[in-house]
């Protein structure tokens, strides 16, 4: 199992290859930081958890890419480090 949380990267990047560790890090982040959370729409586990805590969809943004659309598994992102495009 691999998971990490980078609290100082944007609004706190969380990536995990396990639902258990991903949700544990997401809960930890929520206990320390109340800033908005960006979650890919493919991570239904995180979205369901956030909705159960009273969170709601506030803003939707497209995924940006240059040239070829790189395929990746975004369901492992539990909090995107948004705020630093470029």
Protein backbone atom coordinates (compact mmCIF):
# COMPACT_ATOMS: atom_id res chain seq x y z
CA UNK A 1 0.00 0.00 0.00
CA UNK A 2 1.33 3.41 -0.98
CA UNK A 3 -0.15 6.73 0.09
CA UNK A 4 1.03 10.24 0.72
CA UNK A 5 -0.24 13.62 1.82
CA UNK A 6 1.54 16.86 0.90
CA UNK A 7 -0.20 19.53 3.03
CA UNK A 8 1.79 22.44 1.59
CA UNK A 9 1.17 21.57 -2.06
CA UNK A 10 -1.77 23.75 -3.09
CA UNK A 11 -4.69 22.83 -0.89
CA UNK A 12 -3.15 19.52 0.20
CA UNK A 13 -2.44 16.75 -2.29
CA UNK A 14 -3.49 13.22 -1.25
CA UNK A 15 -2.79 10.21 -3.45
CA UNK A 16 -3.31 6.61 -2.39
CA UNK A 17 -3.54 3.22 -4.06
CA UNK A 18 -5.85 2.04 -1.26
CA UNK A 19 -9.32 3.28 -0.34
CA UNK A 20 -8.62 2.71 3.37
CA UNK A 21 -5.44 4.79 3.48
CA UNK A 22 -6.85 7.39 1.08
CA UNK A 23 -9.88 7.99 3.30
CA UNK A 24 -7.71 7.98 6.44
CA UNK A 25 -5.50 10.72 4.99
CA UNK A 26 -8.56 12.63 3.78
CA UNK A 27 -10.05 12.49 7.31
CA UNK A 28 -6.74 13.68 8.75
CA UNK A 29 -6.62 16.57 6.28
CA UNK A 30 -10.19 17.58 7.15
CA UNK A 31 -9.34 17.55 10.86
CA UNK A 32 -6.50 20.05 10.30
CA UNK A 33 -7.59 22.15 7.33
CA UNK A 34 -10.98 23.51 6.31
CA UNK A 35 -9.97 24.88 2.90
CA UNK A 36 -11.87 23.62 -0.18
CA UNK A 37 -11.16 20.13 -1.47
CA UNK A 38 -10.71 19.27 -5.13
CA UNK A 39 -11.51 15.66 -5.99
CA UNK A 40 -11.64 14.09 -9.47
CA UNK A 41 -15.13 12.94 -10.43
CA UNK A 42 -13.74 9.40 -10.90
CA UNK A 43 -13.03 9.04 -7.17
CA UNK A 44 -16.53 8.09 -6.08
CA UNK A 45 -15.31 6.83 -2.70
CA UNK A 46 -13.99 10.26 -1.71
CA UNK A 47 -17.02 12.04 -3.15
CA UNK A 48 -19.44 9.80 -1.23
CA UNK A 49 -17.48 10.34 1.99
CA UNK A 50 -17.41 14.12 1.54
CA UNK A 51 -21.14 14.22 0.79
CA UNK A 52 -21.81 12.21 3.96
CA UNK A 53 -19.95 14.94 5.88
CA UNK A 54 -22.11 17.69 4.36
CA UNK A 55 -19.83 18.80 1.53
CA UNK A 56 -21.39 19.63 -1.83
CA UNK A 57 -20.28 20.38 -5.39
CA UNK A 58 -19.41 24.05 -5.55
CA UNK A 59 -17.35 24.38 -8.69
CA UNK A 60 -16.44 22.05 -11.54
CA UNK A 61 -13.34 22.48 -13.68
CA UNK A 62 -12.10 20.56 -16.72
CA UNK A 63 -8.88 18.59 -16.73
CA UNK A 64 -6.30 20.48 -18.74
CA UNK A 65 -3.62 18.83 -20.86
CA UNK A 66 -1.14 19.82 -23.55
CA UNK A 67 -0.99 17.90 -26.84
CA UNK A 68 -1.90 14.25 -26.11
CA UNK A 69 -4.37 13.35 -23.42
CA UNK A 70 -2.33 11.20 -21.04
CA UNK A 71 -4.35 8.33 -19.58
CA UNK A 72 -4.08 8.01 -15.84
CA UNK A 73 -6.07 6.56 -12.98
CA UNK A 74 -7.50 9.61 -11.22
CA UNK A 75 -9.60 7.55 -8.80
CA UNK A 76 -6.48 7.38 -6.58
CA UNK A 77 -6.50 11.15 -5.98
CA UNK A 78 -8.26 11.94 -2.69
CA UNK A 79 -7.43 15.65 -2.66
CA UNK A 80 -5.93 17.42 -5.60
CA UNK A 81 -3.25 20.00 -4.86
CA UNK A 82 -5.10 22.72 -6.72
CA UNK A 83 -4.14 26.33 -6.81
CA UNK A 84 -0.84 26.07 -8.66
CA UNK A 85 -1.51 25.69 -12.39
CA UNK A 86 1.34 25.96 -14.82
